[in-house]
């Protein structure tokens, strides 16, 4: 997940990611825009949180638990 410190949507997304990860055994990492490249900041600033599956953008703004589970199956 790519997010921003203090972002309530990012906190909600991370809760979903943690729950799905615990159930499926999938790993995850959290990165923050403050530490991202200028290109990533420019591309994703208005769309955080951004979830990625296998390195590809998967969801923006909100994480659908159903879609994330389906993508990890």
PDB file of N, CA and C in Angstrom:
ATOM      1  N   UNK A   1       0.836  -1.168   0.000  1.00  0.00           N
ATOM      2  CA  UNK A   1       0.000   0.000   0.000  1.00  0.00           C
ATOM      3  C   UNK A   1       0.883   1.233   0.000  1.00  0.00           C
ATOM      4  N   UNK A   2       0.469   2.210  -0.738  1.00  0.00           N
ATOM      5  CA  UNK A   2       1.114   3.519  -0.746  1.00  0.00           C
ATOM      6  C   UNK A   2       0.142   4.491  -0.120  1.00  0.00           C
ATOM      7  N   UNK A   3       0.564   5.133   0.936  1.00  0.00           N
ATOM      8  CA  UNK A   3      -0.326   6.039   1.647  1.00  0.00           C
ATOM      9  C   UNK A   3       0.395   7.281   2.122  1.00  0.00           C
ATOM     10  N   UNK A   4      -0.244   7.959   3.046  1.00  0.00           N
ATOM     11  CA  UNK A   4       0.303   9.188   3.603  1.00  0.00           C
ATOM     12  C   UNK A   4       0.049   9.168   5.106  1.00  0.00           C
ATOM     13  N   UNK A   5       1.019   9.605   5.874  1.00  0.00           N
ATOM     14  CA  UNK A   5       0.856   9.685   7.325  1.00  0.00           C
ATOM     15  C   UNK A   5      -0.332  10.591   7.652  1.00  0.00           C
ATOM     16  N   UNK A   6      -1.148  10.155   8.610  1.00  0.00           N
ATOM     17  CA  UNK A   6      -2.277  10.952   9.054  1.00  0.00           C
ATOM     18  C   UNK A   6      -3.505  10.884   8.170  1.00  0.00           C
ATOM     19  N   UNK A   7      -3.490  10.030   7.173  1.00  0.00           N
ATOM     20  CA  UNK A   7      -4.609   9.900   6.233  1.00  0.00           C
ATOM     21  C   UNK A   7      -5.608   8.874   6.774  1.00  0.00           C
ATOM     22  N   UNK A   8      -6.842   9.312   7.050  1.00  0.00           N
ATOM     23  CA  UNK A   8      -7.829   8.383   7.606  1.00  0.00           C
ATOM     24  C   UNK A   8      -8.212   7.279   6.618  1.00  0.00           C
ATOM     25  N   UNK A   9      -8.249   7.585   5.332  1.00  0.00           N
ATOM     26  CA  UNK A   9      -8.542   6.544   4.347  1.00  0.00           C
ATOM     27  C   UNK A   9      -7.433   5.503   4.308  1.00  0.00           C
ATOM     28  N   UNK A  10      -6.197   5.951   4.507  1.00  0.00           N
ATOM     29  CA  UNK A  10      -5.058   5.027   4.528  1.00  0.00           C
ATOM     30  C   UNK A  10      -5.151   4.102   5.735  1.00  0.00           C
ATOM     31  N   UNK A  11      -5.556   4.634   6.868  1.00  0.00           N
ATOM     32  CA  UNK A  11      -5.711   3.817   8.068  1.00  0.00           C
ATOM     33  C   UNK A  11      -6.806   2.775   7.875  1.00  0.00           C
ATOM     34  N   UNK A  12      -7.920   3.168   7.251  1.00  0.00           N
ATOM     35  CA  UNK A  12      -9.001   2.224   6.975  1.00  0.00           C
ATOM     36  C   UNK A  12      -8.538   1.150   5.992  1.00  0.00           C
ATOM     37  N   UNK A  13      -7.812   1.556   4.966  1.00  0.00           N
ATOM     38  CA  UNK A  13      -7.314   0.597   3.973  1.00  0.00           C
ATOM     39  C   UNK A  13      -6.365  -0.396   4.624  1.00  0.00           C
ATOM     40  N   UNK A  14      -5.511   0.091   5.496  1.00  0.00           N
ATOM     41  CA  UNK A  14      -4.546  -0.784   6.146  1.00  0.00           C
ATOM     42  C   UNK A  14      -5.248  -1.812   7.029  1.00  0.00           C
ATOM     43  N   UNK A  15      -6.340  -1.447   7.662  1.00  0.00           N
ATOM     44  CA  UNK A  15      -7.111  -2.410   8.449  1.00  0.00           C
ATOM     45  C   UNK A  15      -7.609  -3.554   7.570  1.00  0.00           C
ATOM     46  N   UNK A  16      -8.123  -3.225   6.388  1.00  0.00           N
ATOM     47  CA  UNK A  16      -8.599  -4.246   5.456  1.00  0.00           C
ATOM     48  C   UNK A  16      -7.429  -5.114   4.997  1.00  0.00           C
ATOM     49  N   UNK A  17      -6.337  -4.487   4.639  1.00  0.00           N
ATOM     50  CA  UNK A  17      -5.166  -5.229   4.164  1.00  0.00           C
ATOM     51  C   UNK A  17      -4.652  -6.172   5.240  1.00  0.00           C
ATOM     52  N   UNK A  18      -4.585  -5.714   6.465  1.00  0.00           N
ATOM     53  CA  UNK A  18      -4.118  -6.567   7.566  1.00  0.00           C
ATOM     54  C   UNK A  18      -5.042  -7.763   7.764  1.00  0.00           C
ATOM     55  N   UNK A  19      -6.333  -7.527   7.709  1.00  0.00           N
ATOM     56  CA  UNK A  19      -7.306  -8.603   7.896  1.00  0.00           C
ATOM     57  C   UNK A  19      -7.193  -9.642   6.780  1.00  0.00           C
ATOM     58  N   UNK A  20      -7.141  -9.177   5.542  1.00  0.00           N
ATOM     59  CA  UNK A  20      -7.045 -10.093   4.406  1.00  0.00           C
ATOM     60  C   UNK A  20      -5.711 -10.828   4.439  1.00  0.00           C
ATOM     61  N   UNK A  21      -4.654 -10.122   4.769  1.00  0.00           N
ATOM     62  CA  UNK A  21      -3.332 -10.737   4.849  1.00  0.00           C
ATOM     63  C   UNK A  21      -3.302 -11.836   5.907  1.00  0.00           C
ATOM     64  N   UNK A  22      -3.898 -11.573   7.064  1.00  0.00           N
ATOM     65  CA  UNK A  22      -3.928 -12.569   8.130  1.00  0.00           C
ATOM     66  C   UNK A  22      -4.705 -13.810   7.706  1.00  0.00           C
ATOM     67  N   UNK A  23      -5.789 -13.613   6.972  1.00  0.00           N
ATOM     68  CA  UNK A  23      -6.621 -14.733   6.535  1.00  0.00           C
ATOM     69  C   UNK A  23      -5.994 -15.531   5.399  1.00  0.00           C
ATOM     70  N   UNK A  24      -5.265 -14.853   4.511  1.00  0.00           N
ATOM     71  CA  UNK A  24      -4.742 -15.514   3.311  1.00  0.00           C
ATOM     72  C   UNK A  24      -3.272 -15.889   3.407  1.00  0.00           C
ATOM     73  N   UNK A  25      -2.568 -15.297   4.363  1.00  0.00           N
ATOM     74  CA  UNK A  25      -1.130 -15.545   4.462  1.00  0.00           C
ATOM     75  C   UNK A  25      -0.308 -14.695   3.516  1.00  0.00           C
ATOM     76  N   UNK A  26      -0.954 -13.786   2.818  1.00  0.00           N
ATOM     77  CA  UNK A  26      -0.239 -12.898   1.886  1.00  0.00           C
ATOM     78  C   UNK A  26       0.544 -11.857   2.677  1.00  0.00           C
ATOM     79  N   UNK A  27       1.706 -11.518   2.188  1.00  0.00           N
ATOM     80  CA  UNK A  27       2.491 -10.466   2.809  1.00  0.00           C
ATOM     81  C   UNK A  27       2.092  -9.108   2.261  1.00  0.00           C
ATOM     82  N   UNK A  28       2.495  -8.076   2.962  1.00  0.00           N
ATOM     83  CA  UNK A  28       2.231  -6.724   2.486  1.00  0.00           C
ATOM     84  C   UNK A  28       3.302  -5.791   3.014  1.00  0.00           C
ATOM     85  N   UNK A  29       3.453  -4.689   2.327  1.00  0.00           N
ATOM     86  CA  UNK A  29       4.334  -3.618   2.795  1.00  0.00           C
ATOM     87  C   UNK A  29       3.553  -2.317   2.710  1.00  0.00           C
ATOM     88  N   UNK A  30       3.950  -1.386   3.538  1.00  0.00           N
ATOM     89  CA  UNK A  30       3.339  -0.065   3.532  1.00  0.00           C
ATOM     90  C   UNK A  30       4.438   0.937   3.236  1.00  0.00           C
ATOM     91  N   UNK A  31       4.194   1.765   2.243  1.00  0.00           N
ATOM     92  CA  UNK A  31       5.124   2.846   1.912  1.00  0.00           C
ATOM     93  C   UNK A  31       4.353   4.155   1.989  1.00  0.00           C
ATOM     94  N   UNK A  32       5.090   5.228   2.217  1.00  0.00           N
ATOM     95  CA  UNK A  32       4.458   6.530   2.379  1.00  0.00           C
ATOM     96  C   UNK A  32       4.932   7.489   1.305  1.00  0.00           C
ATOM     97  N   UNK A  33       3.994   8.295   0.821  1.00  0.00           N
ATOM     98  CA  UNK A  33       4.310   9.265  -0.235  1.00  0.00           C
ATOM     99  C   UNK A  33       5.449  10.187   0.155  1.00  0.00           C
ATOM    100  N   UNK A  34       5.543  10.481   1.444  1.00  0.00           N
ATOM    101  CA  UNK A  34       6.615  11.361   1.893  1.00  0.00           C
ATOM    102  C   UNK A  34       7.993  10.782   1.569  1.00  0.00           C
ATOM    103  N   UNK A  35       8.072   9.457   1.436  1.00  0.00           N
ATOM    104  CA  UNK A  35       9.335   8.775   1.137  1.00  0.00           C
ATOM    105  C   UNK A  35       9.417   8.295  -0.304  1.00  0.00           C
ATOM    106  N   UNK A  36       8.389   8.531  -1.086  1.00  0.00           N
ATOM    107  CA  UNK A  36       8.314   8.024  -2.454  1.00  0.00           C
ATOM    108  C   UNK A  36       9.068   8.939  -3.420  1.00  0.00           C
ATOM    109  N   UNK A  37       9.253   8.427  -4.603  1.00  0.00           N
ATOM    110  CA  UNK A  37       9.901   9.220  -5.655  1.00  0.00           C
ATOM    111  C   UNK A  37       8.972  10.346  -6.093  1.00  0.00           C
ATOM    112  N   UNK A  38       9.535  11.356  -6.718  1.00  0.00           N
ATOM    113  CA  UNK A  38       8.724  12.469  -7.225  1.00  0.00           C
ATOM    114  C   UNK A  38       7.688  11.950  -8.220  1.00  0.00           C
ATOM    115  N   UNK A  39       8.058  10.991  -9.048  1.00  0.00           N
ATOM    116  CA  UNK A  39       7.129  10.432 -10.028  1.00  0.00           C
ATOM    117  C   UNK A  39       5.929   9.786  -9.324  1.00  0.00           C
ATOM    118  N   UNK A  40       6.189   9.005  -8.276  1.00  0.00           N
ATOM    119  CA  UNK A  40       5.086   8.388  -7.549  1.00  0.00           C
ATOM    120  C   UNK A  40       4.224   9.433  -6.843  1.00  0.00           C
ATOM    121  N   UNK A  41       4.845  10.431  -6.264  1.00  0.00           N
ATOM    122  CA  UNK A  41       4.061  11.493  -5.615  1.00  0.00           C
ATOM    123  C   UNK A  41       3.171  12.182  -6.627  1.00  0.00           C
ATOM    124  N   UNK A  42       3.723  12.518  -7.792  1.00  0.00           N
ATOM    125  CA  UNK A  42       2.937  13.191  -8.823  1.00  0.00           C
ATOM    126  C   UNK A  42       1.794  12.303  -9.320  1.00  0.00           C
ATOM    127  N   UNK A  43       2.071  11.017  -9.484  1.00  0.00           N
ATOM    128  CA  UNK A  43       1.078  10.099 -10.045  1.00  0.00           C
ATOM    129  C   UNK A  43      -0.027   9.733  -9.049  1.00  0.00           C
ATOM    130  N   UNK A  44       0.334   9.559  -7.778  1.00  0.00           N
ATOM    131  CA  UNK A  44      -0.608   8.991  -6.826  1.00  0.00           C
ATOM    132  C   UNK A  44      -1.111   9.941  -5.748  1.00  0.00           C
ATOM    133  N   UNK A  45      -0.593  11.155  -5.653  1.00  0.00           N
ATOM    134  CA  UNK A  45      -0.935  12.052  -4.544  1.00  0.00           C
ATOM    135  C   UNK A  45      -2.441  12.190  -4.340  1.00  0.00           C
ATOM    136  N   UNK A  46      -3.179  12.354  -5.395  1.00  0.00           N
ATOM    137  CA  UNK A  46      -4.627  12.567  -5.299  1.00  0.00           C
ATOM    138  C   UNK A  46      -5.417  11.264  -5.238  1.00  0.00           C
ATOM    139  N   UNK A  47      -4.738  10.103  -5.236  1.00  0.00           N
ATOM    140  CA  UNK A  47      -5.454   8.827  -5.295  1.00  0.00           C
ATOM    141  C   UNK A  47      -5.144   7.908  -4.119  1.00  0.00           C
ATOM    142  N   UNK A  48      -4.500   8.417  -3.082  1.00  0.00           N
ATOM    143  CA  UNK A  48      -4.135   7.556  -1.964  1.00  0.00           C
ATOM    144  C   UNK A  48      -5.343   7.234  -1.106  1.00  0.00           C
ATOM    145  N   UNK A  49      -5.338   6.108  -0.472  1.00  0.00           N
ATOM    146  CA  UNK A  49      -4.323   5.084  -0.533  1.00  0.00           C
ATOM    147  C   UNK A  49      -4.414   4.303  -1.843  1.00  0.00           C
ATOM    148  N   UNK A  50      -3.280   3.811  -2.256  1.00  0.00           N
ATOM    149  CA  UNK A  50      -3.207   2.983  -3.455  1.00  0.00           C
ATOM    150  C   UNK A  50      -2.749   1.601  -3.014  1.00  0.00           C
ATOM    151  N   UNK A  51      -3.511   0.596  -3.379  1.00  0.00           N
ATOM    152  CA  UNK A  51      -3.070  -0.770  -3.109  1.00  0.00           C
ATOM    153  C   UNK A  51      -2.530  -1.365  -4.388  1.00  0.00           C
ATOM    154  N   UNK A  52      -1.545  -2.213  -4.215  1.00  0.00           N
ATOM    155  CA  UNK A  52      -0.895  -2.883  -5.339  1.00  0.00           C
ATOM    156  C   UNK A  52      -0.974  -4.386  -5.101  1.00  0.00           C
ATOM    157  N   UNK A  53      -1.159  -5.131  -6.169  1.00  0.00           N
ATOM    158  CA  UNK A  53      -1.082  -6.587  -6.114  1.00  0.00           C
ATOM    159  C   UNK A  53      -0.071  -6.998  -7.169  1.00  0.00           C
ATOM    160  N   UNK A  54       0.947  -7.703  -6.730  1.00  0.00           N
ATOM    161  CA  UNK A  54       2.046  -8.114  -7.609  1.00  0.00           C
ATOM    162  C   UNK A  54       2.664  -6.923  -8.327  1.00  0.00           C
ATOM    163  N   UNK A  55       2.766  -5.799  -7.642  1.00  0.00           N
ATOM    164  CA  UNK A  55       3.421  -4.613  -8.182  1.00  0.00           C
ATOM    165  C   UNK A  55       2.566  -3.727  -9.063  1.00  0.00           C
ATOM    166  N   UNK A  56       1.343  -4.160  -9.368  1.00  0.00           N
ATOM    167  CA  UNK A  56       0.456  -3.372 -10.231  1.00  0.00           C
ATOM    168  C   UNK A  56      -0.612  -2.681  -9.380  1.00  0.00           C
ATOM    169  N   UNK A  57      -0.963  -1.437  -9.692  1.00  0.00           N
ATOM    170  CA  UNK A  57      -2.027  -0.761  -8.948  1.00  0.00           C
ATOM    171  C   UNK A  57      -3.316  -1.577  -8.995  1.00  0.00           C
ATOM    172  N   UNK A  58      -3.967  -1.695  -7.838  1.00  0.00           N
ATOM    173  CA  UNK A  58      -5.166  -2.522  -7.744  1.00  0.00           C
ATOM    174  C   UNK A  58      -6.398  -1.705  -7.359  1.00  0.00           C
ATOM    175  N   UNK A  59      -6.313  -0.935  -6.293  1.00  0.00           N
ATOM    176  CA  UNK A  59      -7.422  -0.094  -5.843  1.00  0.00           C
ATOM    177  C   UNK A  59      -6.894   1.273  -5.443  1.00  0.00           C
ATOM    178  N   UNK A  60      -7.744   2.284  -5.571  1.00  0.00           N
ATOM    179  CA  UNK A  60      -7.432   3.651  -5.160  1.00  0.00           C
ATOM    180  C   UNK A  60      -8.493   4.112  -4.175  1.00  0.00           C
ATOM    181  N   UNK A  61      -8.122   4.994  -3.280  1.00  0.00           N
ATOM    182  CA  UNK A  61      -9.006   5.653  -2.310  1.00  0.00           C
ATOM    183  C   UNK A  61      -9.562   4.715  -1.248  1.00  0.00           C
ATOM    184  N   UNK A  62     -10.213   3.681  -1.642  1.00  0.00           N
ATOM    185  CA  UNK A  62     -10.769   2.704  -0.697  1.00  0.00           C
ATOM    186  C   UNK A  62     -10.370   1.309  -1.161  1.00  0.00           C
ATOM    187  N   UNK A  63     -10.194   0.424  -0.196  1.00  0.00           N
ATOM    188  CA  UNK A  63      -9.838  -0.952  -0.525  1.00  0.00           C
ATOM    189  C   UNK A  63     -11.087  -1.809  -0.397  1.00  0.00           C
ATOM    190  N   UNK A  64     -11.436  -2.473  -1.462  1.00  0.00           N
ATOM    191  CA  UNK A  64     -12.546  -3.417  -1.426  1.00  0.00           C
ATOM    192  C   UNK A  64     -12.010  -4.751  -0.915  1.00  0.00           C
ATOM    193  N   UNK A  65     -12.498  -5.171   0.243  1.00  0.00           N
ATOM    194  CA  UNK A  65     -12.036  -6.440   0.800  1.00  0.00           C
ATOM    195  C   UNK A  65     -12.342  -7.591  -0.151  1.00  0.00           C
ATOM    196  N   UNK A  66     -13.510  -7.569  -0.742  1.00  0.00           N
ATOM    197  CA  UNK A  66     -13.897  -8.632  -1.675  1.00  0.00           C
ATOM    198  C   UNK A  66     -12.952  -8.686  -2.877  1.00  0.00           C
ATOM    199  N   UNK A  67     -12.665  -7.523  -3.473  1.00  0.00           N
ATOM    200  CA  UNK A  67     -11.764  -7.487  -4.632  1.00  0.00           C
ATOM    201  C   UNK A  67     -10.350  -7.901  -4.263  1.00  0.00           C
ATOM    202  N   UNK A  68      -9.891  -7.478  -3.095  1.00  0.00           N
ATOM    203  CA  UNK A  68      -8.532  -7.833  -2.676  1.00  0.00           C
ATOM    204  C   UNK A  68      -8.434  -9.338  -2.441  1.00  0.00           C
ATOM    205  N   UNK A  69      -9.412  -9.908  -1.774  1.00  0.00           N
ATOM    206  CA  UNK A  69      -9.398 -11.372  -1.561  1.00  0.00           C
ATOM    207  C   UNK A  69      -9.399 -12.112  -2.896  1.00  0.00           C
ATOM    208  N   UNK A  70     -10.220 -11.669  -3.825  1.00  0.00           N
ATOM    209  CA  UNK A  70     -10.295 -12.319  -5.138  1.00  0.00           C
ATOM    210  C   UNK A  70      -8.966 -12.225  -5.871  1.00  0.00           C
ATOM    211  N   UNK A  71      -8.298 -11.092  -5.771  1.00  0.00           N
ATOM    212  CA  UNK A  71      -7.021 -10.895  -6.462  1.00  0.00           C
ATOM    213  C   UNK A  71      -5.925 -11.772  -5.861  1.00  0.00           C
ATOM    214  N   UNK A  72      -6.047 -12.085  -4.582  1.00  0.00           N
ATOM    215  CA  UNK A  72      -5.011 -12.891  -3.912  1.00  0.00           C
ATOM    216  C   UNK A  72      -5.265 -14.375  -3.985  1.00  0.00           C
ATOM    217  N   UNK A  73      -6.449 -14.776  -4.451  1.00  0.00           N
ATOM    218  CA  UNK A  73      -6.757 -16.213  -4.593  1.00  0.00           C
ATOM    219  C   UNK A  73      -6.084 -16.798  -5.799  1.00  0.00           C
TER     220      UNK A  73
END
